[in-house]
């Protein structure tokens, strides 16, 4: 079972997927298909993230700040009054 990126341009990604469907047990076949679909999703997500052009160094989500791994933070602890 393999996933191969055939073509990757700005707007599309073309994959070749090979899944072995031969099994005595249909449940095993179904599990292999589900595992491969998850792997396809991870591959596509990873490629999509590579194409993002994020200029922000801090992302604020639900009033929490998130930093990129490469960004060094100069954060002082909160002082009690």
N, C-alpha and C. Protein backbone atom coordinates (compact mmCIF):
# COMPACT_ATOMS: atom_id res chain seq x y z
N UNK A 1 0.86 -1.17 0.00
CA UNK A 1 0.00 0.00 0.00
C UNK A 1 0.90 1.24 0.00
N UNK A 2 0.72 2.06 -1.00
CA UNK A 2 1.57 3.23 -1.13
C UNK A 2 0.77 4.46 -1.56
N UNK A 3 1.31 5.61 -1.22
CA UNK A 3 0.80 6.90 -1.70
C UNK A 3 1.98 7.59 -2.36
N UNK A 4 1.78 8.04 -3.58
CA UNK A 4 2.85 8.71 -4.31
C UNK A 4 2.30 10.01 -4.88
N UNK A 5 3.02 11.11 -4.66
CA UNK A 5 2.62 12.39 -5.23
C UNK A 5 3.09 12.41 -6.68
N UNK A 6 2.15 12.47 -7.60
CA UNK A 6 2.44 12.46 -9.03
C UNK A 6 2.69 13.88 -9.54
N UNK A 7 1.84 14.80 -9.10
CA UNK A 7 1.94 16.19 -9.55
C UNK A 7 1.53 17.10 -8.40
N UNK A 8 2.27 18.19 -8.23
CA UNK A 8 1.97 19.13 -7.16
C UNK A 8 2.24 20.53 -7.69
N UNK A 9 1.15 21.26 -7.96
CA UNK A 9 1.32 22.64 -8.42
C UNK A 9 0.58 23.57 -7.46
N UNK A 10 0.40 24.82 -7.85
CA UNK A 10 -0.19 25.80 -6.94
C UNK A 10 -1.58 25.43 -6.43
N UNK A 11 -2.42 24.89 -7.30
CA UNK A 11 -3.82 24.70 -6.93
C UNK A 11 -4.24 23.24 -6.75
N UNK A 12 -3.47 22.29 -7.29
CA UNK A 12 -3.89 20.90 -7.22
C UNK A 12 -2.72 19.97 -6.86
N UNK A 13 -3.09 18.84 -6.30
CA UNK A 13 -2.14 17.78 -6.02
C UNK A 13 -2.73 16.50 -6.60
N UNK A 14 -1.92 15.79 -7.37
CA UNK A 14 -2.36 14.54 -7.98
C UNK A 14 -1.61 13.40 -7.30
N UNK A 15 -2.37 12.43 -6.75
CA UNK A 15 -1.79 11.31 -6.03
C UNK A 15 -2.05 10.01 -6.76
N UNK A 16 -1.15 9.07 -6.54
CA UNK A 16 -1.38 7.69 -6.97
C UNK A 16 -1.44 6.86 -5.70
N UNK A 17 -2.52 6.11 -5.53
CA UNK A 17 -2.74 5.33 -4.32
C UNK A 17 -2.89 3.86 -4.70
N UNK A 18 -2.16 3.00 -4.00
CA UNK A 18 -2.26 1.56 -4.21
C UNK A 18 -2.67 0.93 -2.89
N UNK A 19 -3.79 0.21 -2.90
CA UNK A 19 -4.30 -0.46 -1.70
C UNK A 19 -4.54 -1.93 -2.05
N UNK A 20 -4.01 -2.83 -1.23
CA UNK A 20 -4.24 -4.26 -1.42
C UNK A 20 -5.61 -4.62 -0.85
N UNK A 21 -6.51 -5.06 -1.71
CA UNK A 21 -7.87 -5.38 -1.28
C UNK A 21 -8.08 -6.88 -1.06
N UNK A 22 -7.06 -7.66 -1.34
CA UNK A 22 -7.21 -9.11 -1.22
C UNK A 22 -7.01 -9.54 0.23
N UNK A 23 -8.07 -10.09 0.79
CA UNK A 23 -8.03 -10.57 2.17
C UNK A 23 -9.17 -11.55 2.37
N UNK A 24 -8.96 -12.47 3.26
CA UNK A 24 -10.01 -13.43 3.60
C UNK A 24 -11.10 -12.76 4.45
N UNK A 25 -10.70 -11.73 5.16
CA UNK A 25 -11.59 -11.07 6.11
C UNK A 25 -11.93 -9.67 5.60
N UNK A 26 -13.21 -9.41 5.37
CA UNK A 26 -13.63 -8.10 4.87
C UNK A 26 -13.33 -6.99 5.88
N UNK A 27 -13.40 -7.28 7.16
CA UNK A 27 -13.12 -6.27 8.19
C UNK A 27 -11.68 -5.77 8.07
N UNK A 28 -10.73 -6.68 7.83
CA UNK A 28 -9.34 -6.27 7.65
C UNK A 28 -9.18 -5.38 6.42
N UNK A 29 -9.88 -5.73 5.35
CA UNK A 29 -9.83 -4.92 4.13
C UNK A 29 -10.38 -3.53 4.40
N UNK A 30 -11.50 -3.46 5.10
CA UNK A 30 -12.10 -2.17 5.43
C UNK A 30 -11.17 -1.34 6.31
N UNK A 31 -10.51 -1.97 7.27
CA UNK A 31 -9.57 -1.25 8.14
C UNK A 31 -8.38 -0.73 7.34
N UNK A 32 -7.88 -1.51 6.40
CA UNK A 32 -6.78 -1.06 5.55
C UNK A 32 -7.20 0.15 4.72
N UNK A 33 -8.41 0.11 4.20
CA UNK A 33 -8.93 1.25 3.41
C UNK A 33 -9.01 2.50 4.29
N UNK A 34 -9.56 2.36 5.50
CA UNK A 34 -9.68 3.51 6.41
C UNK A 34 -8.31 4.06 6.79
N UNK A 35 -7.34 3.17 7.06
CA UNK A 35 -5.99 3.63 7.38
C UNK A 35 -5.38 4.40 6.22
N UNK A 36 -5.60 3.92 5.01
CA UNK A 36 -5.04 4.59 3.83
C UNK A 36 -5.71 5.95 3.61
N UNK A 37 -7.03 6.03 3.83
CA UNK A 37 -7.73 7.31 3.68
C UNK A 37 -7.18 8.32 4.69
N UNK A 38 -6.91 7.88 5.92
CA UNK A 38 -6.31 8.78 6.92
C UNK A 38 -4.92 9.22 6.48
N UNK A 39 -4.14 8.30 5.93
CA UNK A 39 -2.80 8.65 5.45
C UNK A 39 -2.87 9.64 4.29
N UNK A 40 -3.85 9.47 3.42
CA UNK A 40 -4.06 10.41 2.31
C UNK A 40 -4.36 11.81 2.87
N UNK A 41 -5.23 11.89 3.86
CA UNK A 41 -5.56 13.17 4.48
C UNK A 41 -4.35 13.83 5.10
N UNK A 42 -3.51 13.05 5.78
CA UNK A 42 -2.30 13.61 6.38
C UNK A 42 -1.34 14.12 5.32
N UNK A 43 -1.19 13.37 4.23
CA UNK A 43 -0.29 13.77 3.15
C UNK A 43 -0.77 15.07 2.52
N UNK A 44 -2.07 15.16 2.22
CA UNK A 44 -2.62 16.36 1.61
C UNK A 44 -2.53 17.57 2.54
N UNK A 45 -2.79 17.36 3.82
CA UNK A 45 -2.71 18.45 4.78
C UNK A 45 -1.28 18.96 4.89
N UNK A 46 -0.31 18.06 4.94
CA UNK A 46 1.09 18.46 5.02
C UNK A 46 1.50 19.28 3.79
N UNK A 47 1.07 18.86 2.61
CA UNK A 47 1.39 19.60 1.39
C UNK A 47 0.69 20.96 1.37
N UNK A 48 -0.56 21.01 1.85
CA UNK A 48 -1.29 22.28 1.89
C UNK A 48 -0.63 23.26 2.86
N UNK A 49 -0.15 22.76 4.00
CA UNK A 49 0.52 23.63 4.97
C UNK A 49 1.82 24.19 4.43
N UNK A 50 2.51 23.44 3.59
CA UNK A 50 3.75 23.94 2.98
C UNK A 50 3.48 25.15 2.09
N UNK A 51 2.28 25.21 1.51
CA UNK A 51 1.94 26.28 0.58
C UNK A 51 1.45 27.55 1.27
N UNK A 52 1.14 27.47 2.56
CA UNK A 52 0.64 28.64 3.28
C UNK A 52 1.74 29.68 3.42
N UNK A 53 1.37 30.91 3.26
CA UNK A 53 2.30 32.02 3.44
C UNK A 53 1.85 32.78 4.67
N UNK A 54 2.32 32.36 5.82
CA UNK A 54 1.91 32.98 7.07
C UNK A 54 2.95 34.03 7.44
N UNK A 55 2.49 35.28 7.51
CA UNK A 55 3.39 36.38 7.86
C UNK A 55 3.29 36.73 9.34
N UNK A 56 2.24 36.31 9.96
CA UNK A 56 2.05 36.61 11.37
C UNK A 56 2.98 35.73 12.22
N UNK A 57 3.56 36.31 13.24
CA UNK A 57 4.39 35.52 14.15
C UNK A 57 3.58 35.03 15.34
N UNK A 58 2.44 35.67 15.59
CA UNK A 58 1.58 35.28 16.69
C UNK A 58 0.17 35.06 16.14
N UNK A 59 -0.41 33.91 16.46
CA UNK A 59 -1.79 33.65 16.11
C UNK A 59 -2.61 33.69 17.39
N UNK A 60 -3.67 34.47 17.41
CA UNK A 60 -4.53 34.54 18.57
C UNK A 60 -5.79 33.74 18.32
N UNK A 61 -5.99 32.72 19.15
CA UNK A 61 -7.16 31.86 19.03
C UNK A 61 -7.80 31.76 20.40
N UNK A 62 -9.08 32.13 20.48
CA UNK A 62 -9.81 32.11 21.76
C UNK A 62 -9.03 32.80 22.87
N UNK A 63 -8.55 33.98 22.58
CA UNK A 63 -7.83 34.82 23.52
C UNK A 63 -6.54 34.18 24.03
N UNK A 64 -6.00 33.21 23.30
CA UNK A 64 -4.71 32.61 23.62
C UNK A 64 -3.76 32.88 22.47
N UNK A 65 -2.52 33.22 22.79
CA UNK A 65 -1.52 33.47 21.76
C UNK A 65 -0.74 32.19 21.47
N UNK A 66 -0.58 31.88 20.18
CA UNK A 66 0.17 30.72 19.73
C UNK A 66 1.31 31.22 18.85
N UNK A 67 2.49 30.66 19.05
CA UNK A 67 3.69 31.12 18.35
C UNK A 67 4.24 30.01 17.45
N UNK A 68 4.83 30.42 16.34
CA UNK A 68 5.52 29.46 15.48
C UNK A 68 6.75 28.95 16.22
N UNK A 69 7.17 27.72 15.92
CA UNK A 69 8.30 27.13 16.61
C UNK A 69 9.59 27.92 16.40
N UNK A 70 9.73 28.54 15.23
CA UNK A 70 10.96 29.26 14.91
C UNK A 70 11.05 30.60 15.62
N UNK A 71 9.92 31.13 16.09
CA UNK A 71 9.89 32.45 16.70
C UNK A 71 10.30 32.36 18.16
N UNK A 72 11.32 33.13 18.53
CA UNK A 72 11.71 33.19 19.94
C UNK A 72 10.85 34.22 20.63
N UNK A 73 10.30 33.83 21.77
CA UNK A 73 9.38 34.71 22.47
C UNK A 73 10.12 35.46 23.58
N UNK A 74 9.81 36.70 23.70
CA UNK A 74 10.32 37.51 24.80
C UNK A 74 9.13 37.80 25.71
N UNK A 75 8.80 36.84 26.53
CA UNK A 75 7.60 36.94 27.37
C UNK A 75 8.03 37.05 28.84
N UNK A 76 7.50 38.05 29.49
CA UNK A 76 7.74 38.21 30.91
C UNK A 76 6.58 37.60 31.68
N UNK A 77 6.88 36.92 32.77
CA UNK A 77 5.76 36.38 33.58
C UNK A 77 4.94 37.51 34.16
N UNK A 78 3.66 37.23 34.38
CA UNK A 78 2.78 38.23 35.00
C UNK A 78 3.22 38.51 36.42
N UNK A 79 3.25 39.77 36.78
CA UNK A 79 3.63 40.17 38.13
C UNK A 79 2.39 40.31 38.98
N UNK A 80 2.44 39.78 40.19
CA UNK A 80 1.32 39.94 41.10
C UNK A 80 1.37 41.33 41.72
N UNK A 81 0.20 41.92 41.92
CA UNK A 81 0.15 43.26 42.51
C UNK A 81 -0.19 43.18 43.98
